[in-house]
Amino acid sequence: MVHILPATSFVIVPPTACRHVDVFFLADVEAALVMALPSYEFEVTIDHPQRQDDDFFVEPNGVVSDIATIEKLASALARFTDFGPSKMIH
């Protein structure tokens, strides 16, 4: 039997469409995520094979079944793009 564990961390990959992605931008994204979801750990990076052109790529290390968590995550990321939170989670 396979047990699927709840997520405790996320890899967050900003889209290539985000302008001015530097270490300060990545730190700001991580700080916003930690503030919105303090019980999770975040790795914000541009070095990922799944980097998208227009959307953040979000990879949890387990299952995220709570819609409030997904909404908080999308809301925290939305302020860093010209995109709304409706297209943020993959």
N, C-alpha and C. Protein backbone atom coordinates (compact mmCIF):
# COMPACT_ATOMS: atom_id res chain seq x y z
N MET A 1 0.84 -1.18 0.00
CA MET A 1 0.00 0.00 0.00
C MET A 1 0.89 1.25 0.00
N VAL A 2 0.57 2.19 -0.85
CA VAL A 2 1.33 3.43 -0.96
C VAL A 2 0.62 4.51 -0.14
N HIS A 3 1.38 5.15 0.72
CA HIS A 3 0.84 6.26 1.49
C HIS A 3 1.32 7.56 0.90
N ILE A 4 0.40 8.44 0.61
CA ILE A 4 0.75 9.76 0.08
C ILE A 4 0.73 10.73 1.24
N LEU A 5 1.86 11.36 1.48
CA LEU A 5 2.00 12.26 2.61
C LEU A 5 1.59 13.69 2.24
N PRO A 6 1.13 14.44 3.21
CA PRO A 6 0.80 15.84 2.94
C PRO A 6 2.06 16.65 2.66
N ALA A 7 1.92 17.65 1.84
CA ALA A 7 3.05 18.51 1.48
C ALA A 7 3.56 19.27 2.70
N THR A 8 4.88 19.41 2.75
CA THR A 8 5.52 20.23 3.79
C THR A 8 6.37 21.32 3.16
N SER A 9 6.60 21.21 1.85
CA SER A 9 7.40 22.22 1.17
C SER A 9 7.00 22.31 -0.29
N PHE A 10 7.43 23.40 -0.92
CA PHE A 10 7.15 23.65 -2.33
C PHE A 10 8.40 24.15 -3.02
N VAL A 11 8.57 23.74 -4.28
CA VAL A 11 9.52 24.39 -5.16
C VAL A 11 8.70 25.37 -6.00
N ILE A 12 9.13 26.61 -6.03
CA ILE A 12 8.43 27.67 -6.76
C ILE A 12 9.36 28.18 -7.85
N VAL A 13 8.88 28.17 -9.10
CA VAL A 13 9.69 28.60 -10.23
C VAL A 13 8.98 29.75 -10.94
N PRO A 14 9.54 30.97 -10.86
CA PRO A 14 8.91 32.10 -11.54
C PRO A 14 8.93 31.91 -13.05
N PRO A 15 7.95 32.47 -13.74
CA PRO A 15 7.92 32.35 -15.20
C PRO A 15 8.99 33.23 -15.84
N THR A 16 9.34 32.89 -17.07
CA THR A 16 10.31 33.71 -17.79
C THR A 16 9.74 35.10 -18.08
N ALA A 17 8.42 35.24 -18.06
CA ALA A 17 7.79 36.54 -18.31
C ALA A 17 7.99 37.54 -17.16
N CYS A 18 8.38 37.06 -15.98
CA CYS A 18 8.66 37.98 -14.87
C CYS A 18 9.89 38.79 -15.20
N ARG A 19 9.75 40.08 -15.12
CA ARG A 19 10.89 40.96 -15.39
C ARG A 19 11.74 41.10 -14.14
N HIS A 20 13.01 41.37 -14.34
CA HIS A 20 13.93 41.69 -13.24
C HIS A 20 14.02 40.57 -12.21
N VAL A 21 14.16 39.36 -12.67
CA VAL A 21 14.34 38.25 -11.73
C VAL A 21 15.81 38.23 -11.31
N ASP A 22 16.03 38.52 -10.04
CA ASP A 22 17.37 38.48 -9.46
C ASP A 22 17.25 37.91 -8.05
N VAL A 23 18.34 37.90 -7.32
CA VAL A 23 18.30 37.31 -5.97
C VAL A 23 17.34 38.06 -5.06
N PHE A 24 17.18 39.35 -5.26
CA PHE A 24 16.26 40.14 -4.44
C PHE A 24 14.81 39.77 -4.74
N PHE A 25 14.50 39.58 -6.01
CA PHE A 25 13.16 39.16 -6.42
C PHE A 25 12.84 37.80 -5.82
N LEU A 26 13.78 36.85 -5.95
CA LEU A 26 13.56 35.51 -5.42
C LEU A 26 13.36 35.54 -3.91
N ALA A 27 14.13 36.37 -3.22
CA ALA A 27 13.99 36.51 -1.77
C ALA A 27 12.65 37.14 -1.40
N ASP A 28 12.19 38.11 -2.18
CA ASP A 28 10.89 38.74 -1.93
C ASP A 28 9.75 37.74 -2.12
N VAL A 29 9.84 36.92 -3.16
CA VAL A 29 8.82 35.89 -3.40
C VAL A 29 8.79 34.91 -2.22
N GLU A 30 9.96 34.47 -1.81
CA GLU A 30 10.03 33.53 -0.68
C GLU A 30 9.47 34.15 0.60
N ALA A 31 9.80 35.41 0.85
CA ALA A 31 9.30 36.08 2.06
C ALA A 31 7.78 36.19 2.04
N ALA A 32 7.21 36.52 0.89
CA ALA A 32 5.75 36.62 0.77
C ALA A 32 5.09 35.27 1.00
N LEU A 33 5.69 34.22 0.48
CA LEU A 33 5.14 32.87 0.66
C LEU A 33 5.22 32.43 2.12
N VAL A 34 6.35 32.70 2.76
CA VAL A 34 6.50 32.33 4.17
C VAL A 34 5.51 33.10 5.04
N MET A 35 5.28 34.37 4.69
CA MET A 35 4.31 35.16 5.45
C MET A 35 2.89 34.61 5.26
N ALA A 36 2.56 34.21 4.05
CA ALA A 36 1.22 33.69 3.76
C ALA A 36 1.01 32.28 4.30
N LEU A 37 2.08 31.48 4.27
CA LEU A 37 1.98 30.07 4.66
C LEU A 37 3.18 29.70 5.53
N PRO A 38 3.22 30.15 6.78
CA PRO A 38 4.39 29.95 7.62
C PRO A 38 4.69 28.50 8.00
N SER A 39 3.75 27.61 7.83
CA SER A 39 4.00 26.21 8.21
C SER A 39 4.66 25.40 7.10
N TYR A 40 4.94 26.03 5.96
CA TYR A 40 5.59 25.35 4.83
C TYR A 40 6.98 25.92 4.60
N GLU A 41 7.82 25.12 3.94
CA GLU A 41 9.13 25.58 3.49
C GLU A 41 9.05 25.81 1.99
N PHE A 42 9.84 26.80 1.50
CA PHE A 42 9.81 27.15 0.09
C PHE A 42 11.22 27.24 -0.48
N GLU A 43 11.38 26.71 -1.67
CA GLU A 43 12.59 26.92 -2.45
C GLU A 43 12.16 27.65 -3.71
N VAL A 44 12.61 28.88 -3.87
CA VAL A 44 12.27 29.69 -5.04
C VAL A 44 13.50 29.72 -5.93
N THR A 45 13.36 29.25 -7.15
CA THR A 45 14.49 29.11 -8.05
C THR A 45 14.08 29.32 -9.50
N ILE A 46 15.03 29.73 -10.32
CA ILE A 46 14.78 29.78 -11.77
C ILE A 46 15.43 28.60 -12.47
N ASP A 47 16.23 27.85 -11.73
CA ASP A 47 16.94 26.70 -12.29
C ASP A 47 16.10 25.44 -12.14
N HIS A 48 15.16 25.27 -13.04
CA HIS A 48 14.26 24.12 -12.99
C HIS A 48 13.83 23.78 -14.41
N PRO A 49 13.82 22.51 -14.77
CA PRO A 49 13.46 22.14 -16.14
C PRO A 49 12.00 22.42 -16.51
N GLN A 50 11.13 22.62 -15.52
CA GLN A 50 9.72 22.88 -15.80
C GLN A 50 9.37 24.38 -15.81
N ARG A 51 10.37 25.25 -15.92
CA ARG A 51 10.09 26.70 -15.93
C ARG A 51 9.20 27.03 -17.11
N GLN A 52 8.15 27.78 -16.85
CA GLN A 52 7.13 28.12 -17.83
C GLN A 52 7.38 29.53 -18.37
N ASP A 53 6.75 29.86 -19.49
CA ASP A 53 6.86 31.20 -20.04
C ASP A 53 5.97 32.19 -19.29
N ASP A 54 4.74 31.80 -18.99
CA ASP A 54 3.75 32.75 -18.49
C ASP A 54 3.22 32.47 -17.09
N ASP A 55 3.49 31.32 -16.54
CA ASP A 55 2.92 30.95 -15.24
C ASP A 55 4.00 30.49 -14.28
N PHE A 56 3.75 30.73 -12.99
CA PHE A 56 4.61 30.13 -11.98
C PHE A 56 4.44 28.62 -12.05
N PHE A 57 5.53 27.89 -11.90
CA PHE A 57 5.47 26.45 -11.75
C PHE A 57 5.58 26.17 -10.26
N VAL A 58 4.64 25.41 -9.73
CA VAL A 58 4.59 25.11 -8.30
C VAL A 58 4.62 23.59 -8.14
N GLU A 59 5.62 23.11 -7.40
CA GLU A 59 5.76 21.68 -7.20
C GLU A 59 5.80 21.37 -5.70
N PRO A 60 4.70 20.85 -5.15
CA PRO A 60 4.72 20.43 -3.73
C PRO A 60 5.44 19.11 -3.57
N ASN A 61 5.93 18.84 -2.37
CA ASN A 61 6.59 17.57 -2.11
C ASN A 61 5.61 16.51 -1.59
N GLY A 62 4.34 16.78 -1.70
CA GLY A 62 3.30 15.86 -1.25
C GLY A 62 1.94 16.38 -1.71
N VAL A 63 0.91 15.92 -1.06
CA VAL A 63 -0.46 16.28 -1.43
C VAL A 63 -0.88 17.57 -0.74
N VAL A 64 -1.52 18.45 -1.52
CA VAL A 64 -2.13 19.67 -0.96
C VAL A 64 -3.62 19.54 -1.21
N SER A 65 -4.36 19.20 -0.16
CA SER A 65 -5.80 18.96 -0.33
C SER A 65 -6.65 20.10 0.22
N ASP A 66 -6.02 21.07 0.84
CA ASP A 66 -6.74 22.19 1.44
C ASP A 66 -6.81 23.36 0.46
N ILE A 67 -8.00 23.69 0.01
CA ILE A 67 -8.18 24.77 -0.97
C ILE A 67 -7.70 26.11 -0.42
N ALA A 68 -7.79 26.32 0.88
CA ALA A 68 -7.32 27.58 1.47
C ALA A 68 -5.81 27.73 1.28
N THR A 69 -5.07 26.64 1.38
CA THR A 69 -3.63 26.68 1.15
C THR A 69 -3.33 27.07 -0.30
N ILE A 70 -4.04 26.48 -1.22
CA ILE A 70 -3.85 26.78 -2.64
C ILE A 70 -4.20 28.24 -2.93
N GLU A 71 -5.28 28.73 -2.34
CA GLU A 71 -5.67 30.12 -2.55
C GLU A 71 -4.64 31.09 -1.97
N LYS A 72 -4.11 30.80 -0.79
CA LYS A 72 -3.08 31.65 -0.19
C LYS A 72 -1.81 31.65 -1.02
N LEU A 73 -1.45 30.50 -1.53
CA LEU A 73 -0.27 30.38 -2.37
C LEU A 73 -0.45 31.20 -3.65
N ALA A 74 -1.58 31.05 -4.30
CA ALA A 74 -1.85 31.79 -5.54
C ALA A 74 -1.90 33.29 -5.28
N SER A 75 -2.49 33.69 -4.19
CA SER A 75 -2.58 35.11 -3.86
C SER A 75 -1.20 35.71 -3.60
N ALA A 76 -0.35 34.99 -2.87
CA ALA A 76 1.00 35.47 -2.59
C ALA A 76 1.81 35.60 -3.88
N LEU A 77 1.64 34.69 -4.81
CA LEU A 77 2.39 34.74 -6.06
C LEU A 77 1.85 35.79 -7.04
N ALA A 78 0.56 36.06 -6.96
CA ALA A 78 -0.07 36.97 -7.91
C ALA A 78 0.52 38.37 -7.87
N ARG A 79 0.98 38.80 -6.73
CA ARG A 79 1.52 40.16 -6.64
C ARG A 79 2.86 40.33 -7.35
N PHE A 80 3.47 39.23 -7.80
CA PHE A 80 4.77 39.29 -8.46
C PHE A 80 4.68 39.18 -9.98
N THR A 81 3.48 39.18 -10.51
CA THR A 81 3.29 39.08 -11.95
C THR A 81 2.20 40.02 -12.40
N ASP A 82 2.05 40.10 -13.69
CA ASP A 82 0.92 40.83 -14.27
C ASP A 82 -0.27 39.91 -14.45
N PHE A 83 -0.13 38.68 -14.00
CA PHE A 83 -1.17 37.68 -14.17
C PHE A 83 -2.01 37.60 -12.91
N GLY A 84 -3.26 37.22 -13.05
CA GLY A 84 -4.12 37.01 -11.90
C GLY A 84 -3.87 35.66 -11.28
N PRO A 85 -4.41 35.41 -10.09
CA PRO A 85 -4.16 34.14 -9.41
C PRO A 85 -4.86 32.94 -10.04
N SER A 86 -5.71 33.17 -11.04
CA SER A 86 -6.47 32.05 -11.62
C SER A 86 -5.60 31.09 -12.40
N LYS A 87 -4.40 31.50 -12.86
CA LYS A 87 -3.56 30.64 -13.68
C LYS A 87 -2.29 30.21 -12.97
N MET A 88 -2.23 30.32 -11.66
CA MET A 88 -0.96 30.12 -10.97
C MET A 88 -0.60 28.70 -10.63
N ILE A 89 -1.53 27.83 -10.34
CA ILE A 89 -1.22 26.52 -9.82
C ILE A 89 -1.21 25.49 -10.95
N HIS A 90 -0.14 24.69 -11.01
CA HIS A 90 -0.02 23.60 -12.01
C HIS A 90 0.20 22.31 -11.29
